[in-house]
Protein backbone atom coordinates (compact mmCIF):
# COMPACT_ATOMS: atom_id res chain seq x y z
CA MET A 1 38.63 -0.29 -17.37
CA SER A 2 37.66 2.34 -14.92
CA ILE A 3 34.99 1.99 -12.29
CA ARG A 4 32.72 4.44 -14.13
CA ILE A 5 32.62 2.28 -17.25
CA ILE A 6 31.94 -0.88 -15.22
CA ILE A 7 29.11 0.78 -13.30
CA LYS A 8 27.64 2.21 -16.52
CA HIS A 9 27.60 -1.23 -18.15
CA MET A 10 26.16 -2.79 -15.00
CA ILE A 11 23.28 -0.31 -14.96
CA LYS A 12 22.62 -0.87 -18.66
CA PHE A 13 22.66 -4.68 -18.65
CA VAL A 14 22.52 -6.22 -15.18
CA LEU A 15 19.85 -4.01 -13.64
CA PRO A 16 17.18 -4.64 -16.32
CA ILE A 17 17.80 -8.39 -16.12
CA ALA A 18 17.47 -8.32 -12.32
CA ILE A 19 14.26 -6.27 -12.54
CA PHE A 20 12.82 -8.70 -15.11
CA ILE A 21 13.59 -11.72 -12.93
CA ALA A 22 12.07 -10.01 -9.88
CA ALA A 23 8.94 -9.08 -11.87
CA VAL A 24 8.47 -12.64 -13.15
CA TYR A 25 8.92 -14.05 -9.65
CA GLY A 26 6.49 -11.51 -8.18
CA ILE A 27 3.83 -12.13 -10.81
CA SER A 28 4.06 -15.92 -10.38
CA TYR A 29 3.88 -15.54 -6.59
CA PHE A 30 0.77 -13.35 -6.72
CA TRP A 31 -0.77 -15.56 -9.43
CA THR A 32 -0.53 -18.74 -7.32
CA ASN A 33 -1.87 -17.00 -4.20
CA SER A 34 -4.85 -15.19 -5.74
CA SER A 35 -8.49 -16.00 -6.28
CA PRO A 36 -10.04 -16.40 -9.74
CA LYS A 37 -11.15 -12.76 -9.62
CA GLY A 38 -7.63 -11.72 -8.68
CA LYS A 39 -6.21 -13.74 -11.57
CA LYS A 40 -8.51 -11.90 -13.98
CA MET A 41 -7.31 -8.56 -12.59
CA ILE A 42 -3.65 -9.62 -12.91
CA ALA A 43 -4.23 -10.78 -16.50
CA LEU A 44 -6.02 -7.52 -17.36
CA GLY A 45 -3.24 -5.44 -15.82
CA LEU A 46 -0.54 -7.39 -17.67
CA THR A 47 -2.42 -7.04 -20.95
CA ILE A 48 -2.73 -3.28 -20.51
CA ALA A 49 0.94 -3.00 -19.53
CA LEU A 50 1.95 -5.03 -22.60
CA MET A 51 -0.13 -2.83 -24.91
CA ILE A 52 1.33 0.34 -23.40
CA GLY A 53 4.85 -1.07 -23.67
CA ILE A 54 4.44 -2.04 -27.31
CA SER A 55 2.87 1.33 -28.17
CA LEU A 56 5.66 3.22 -26.40
CA THR A 57 8.32 1.14 -28.14
CA ILE A 58 6.79 1.77 -31.57
CA TYR A 59 6.46 5.47 -30.81
CA LEU A 60 10.10 5.74 -29.71
CA ILE A 61 11.35 3.81 -32.72
CA PHE A 62 9.56 6.04 -35.23
CA ASP A 63 10.12 9.32 -33.38
């Protein structure tokens, strides 16, 4: 296998997993260190991000 193929597979598989782990760690860190008002804002932001993500996924599947 050439280096190009290895790097391409790394970007496709390893990078999204690393970003997901970092996002989960960051959200849990901010969740434990925030006030009740901050927790509501985090929950609202995550809900909006989830809705946008699901809508975008559905749009891209049917497009």
